[in-house]
Protein backbone atom coordinates (compact mmCIF):
# COMPACT_ATOMS: atom_id res chain seq x y z
CA MET A 1 346.32 59.35 82.01
CA ILE A 2 342.62 59.53 82.47
CA SER A 3 341.31 58.24 85.69
CA LEU A 4 338.16 56.21 86.33
CA GLU A 5 336.68 59.06 88.30
CA GLN A 6 337.14 61.50 85.40
CA VAL A 7 335.34 59.03 83.09
CA LYS A 8 332.43 58.68 85.57
CA LEU A 9 332.23 62.50 86.01
CA LEU A 10 332.13 62.83 82.20
CA GLU A 11 329.40 60.12 81.97
CA SER A 12 327.40 61.97 84.58
CA LYS A 13 327.76 65.26 82.78
CA VAL A 14 326.70 63.73 79.41
CA ALA A 15 323.65 62.03 81.09
CA LYS A 16 322.64 65.42 82.67
CA THR A 17 323.18 67.10 79.26
CA ILE A 18 321.02 64.56 77.53
CA ASP A 19 318.21 64.89 80.20
CA TYR A 20 318.38 68.77 79.86
CA VAL A 21 318.27 68.56 76.00
CA ASN A 22 315.20 66.13 76.21
CA LYS A 23 313.50 68.49 78.73
CA VAL A 24 314.17 71.55 76.52
CA THR A 25 313.03 69.67 73.44
CA GLY A 26 309.73 68.71 75.06
CA GLU A 27 309.21 72.42 76.17
CA ASN A 28 310.03 73.60 72.73
CA TYR A 29 307.45 71.21 71.31
CA GLN A 30 304.84 72.40 73.81
CA LEU A 31 305.61 76.04 73.02
CA LYS A 32 305.31 75.34 69.25
CA GLU A 33 301.85 73.73 69.84
CA LYS A 34 300.81 76.71 71.89
CA LEU A 35 302.09 79.06 69.28
CA PHE A 36 300.22 77.31 66.51
CA SER A 37 296.92 77.34 68.48
CA CYS A 38 297.49 81.07 69.34
CA GLU A 39 298.14 81.85 65.63
CA LYS A 40 295.11 79.92 64.65
CA ARG A 41 292.94 81.91 67.25
CA ILE A 42 294.47 85.15 65.97
CA GLU A 43 293.37 84.37 62.50
CA GLU A 44 289.84 83.52 63.75
CA LEU A 45 289.72 86.88 65.61
CA GLU A 46 290.98 88.78 62.59
CA VAL A 47 288.09 87.29 60.57
CA LEU A 48 285.68 88.40 63.32
CA VAL A 49 287.16 91.87 63.39
CA GLN A 50 286.85 92.15 59.67
CA ARG A 51 283.16 91.10 59.79
CA PHE A 52 282.65 93.61 62.59
CA ASN A 53 284.28 96.32 60.63
CA ASP A 54 282.20 95.50 57.52
CA SER A 55 278.91 95.49 59.61
CA GLN A 56 279.96 98.80 61.21
CA SER A 57 280.48 100.29 57.76
CA ARG A 58 277.07 99.04 56.56
CA ILE A 59 275.36 100.32 59.77
CA GLU A 60 277.12 103.75 59.32
CA GLU A 61 276.06 103.95 55.63
CA GLY A 62 272.49 103.03 56.63
CA ILE A 63 272.43 105.79 59.36
CA LEU A 64 273.86 108.32 57.06
CA SER A 65 271.32 107.28 54.42
CA THR A 66 268.53 107.57 56.83
CA LEU A 67 269.79 111.02 58.04
CA ASP A 68 269.96 112.08 54.45
CA ARG A 69 266.33 111.00 53.98
CA LEU A 70 265.23 112.85 57.13
CA ASN A 71 266.92 115.98 55.97
CA GLN A 72 265.21 115.65 52.60
CA LEU A 73 261.94 115.03 54.36
CA GLU A 74 262.46 118.08 56.53
CA ASP A 75 263.25 120.13 53.46
CA VAL A 76 260.06 119.00 51.81
CA LEU A 77 258.08 119.78 54.85
CA ASP A 78 259.68 123.20 55.22
CA SER A 79 258.89 123.98 51.57
CA LYS A 80 255.41 122.64 51.98
CA SER A 81 254.76 125.01 54.91
CA GLN A 82 255.92 127.88 52.85
CA LYS A 83 254.20 126.76 49.64
CA PRO A 84 250.91 125.02 50.53
CA ASP A 85 250.22 124.04 46.97
CA ILE A 86 253.00 121.32 46.89
CA SER A 87 251.31 117.82 46.73
CA PRO A 88 252.69 115.10 48.98
CA GLU A 89 252.99 112.62 46.03
CA ILE A 90 256.07 114.42 44.79
CA LEU A 91 258.40 112.46 47.01
CA PRO A 92 256.49 109.59 48.53
CA GLU A 93 259.66 107.63 49.35
CA LEU A 94 260.53 110.35 51.93
CA LEU A 95 257.35 110.07 53.83
CA VAL A 96 257.37 108.33 57.18
CA PRO A 97 255.83 104.77 56.92
CA GLY A 98 252.58 104.38 58.86
CA ILE A 99 251.52 108.06 58.83
CA PRO A 100 248.99 108.87 56.13
CA VAL A 101 249.93 111.63 53.81
CA ASP A 102 246.83 113.70 54.59
CA THR A 103 247.18 113.49 58.36
CA PRO A 104 246.64 116.99 59.80
CA VAL A 105 249.37 118.03 62.15
CA GLU A 106 248.64 120.72 64.74
CA LYS A 107 251.11 123.50 64.32
CA PRO A 108 252.69 125.11 67.33
CA GLU A 109 251.47 128.49 66.31
CA GLU A 110 247.94 127.27 66.43
CA LEU A 111 248.30 126.42 70.13
CA GLY A 112 248.34 129.04 72.77
CA SER A 113 251.52 129.46 74.63
CA GLU A 114 249.99 127.74 77.77
CA GLU A 115 248.87 124.75 75.68
CA LEU A 116 252.29 124.63 73.84
CA ASN A 117 254.11 124.33 77.15
CA SER A 118 251.71 121.73 78.61
CA LYS A 119 251.33 119.41 75.52
CA GLU A 120 253.54 117.68 73.05
CA LEU A 121 252.66 117.15 69.49
CA ARG A 122 252.68 113.66 67.94
CA PRO A 123 253.37 113.12 64.18
CA ASN A 124 249.78 112.04 63.66
CA GLY A 125 248.41 115.30 65.03
CA GLU A 126 247.35 114.03 68.51
CA VAL A 127 248.45 115.97 71.57
CA SER A 128 250.01 113.99 74.32
CA PRO A 129 250.20 114.98 77.97
CA PRO A 130 253.58 116.33 79.16
CA HIS A 131 254.32 113.40 81.29
CA GLU A 132 254.04 110.94 78.47
CA LEU A 133 256.94 110.51 76.16
CA ASP A 134 256.23 109.49 72.63
CA ILE A 135 259.39 108.82 70.70
CA PHE A 136 257.86 107.06 67.71
């Protein structure tokens, strides 16, 4: 026969099990909510990464295009120094904006070695002192 103590022990274990299941169910619900918010954030970050990659691709294309244009300009200037009869109107899109086509540029060979070491040439033909940096 089953004693009263055994029934009370069974009821106690059932109550503990129910409490444990309720606790685990609550934790499970919280973890699912957290998982959902993390997945949502991951999707947002993936969109940002994709935009960043697209922007990087466009930036790289722009840089490569600019480098190509600079190479073409350098080729034109090299060919112009070899053949002075080439007119600058041939490739106006390669010219640097803001610098007139007919701007004289002082060539390094026209300067003495002392002047060449102590002066820097600017694109517009002006000579800058050695302590002044002109990157544009």
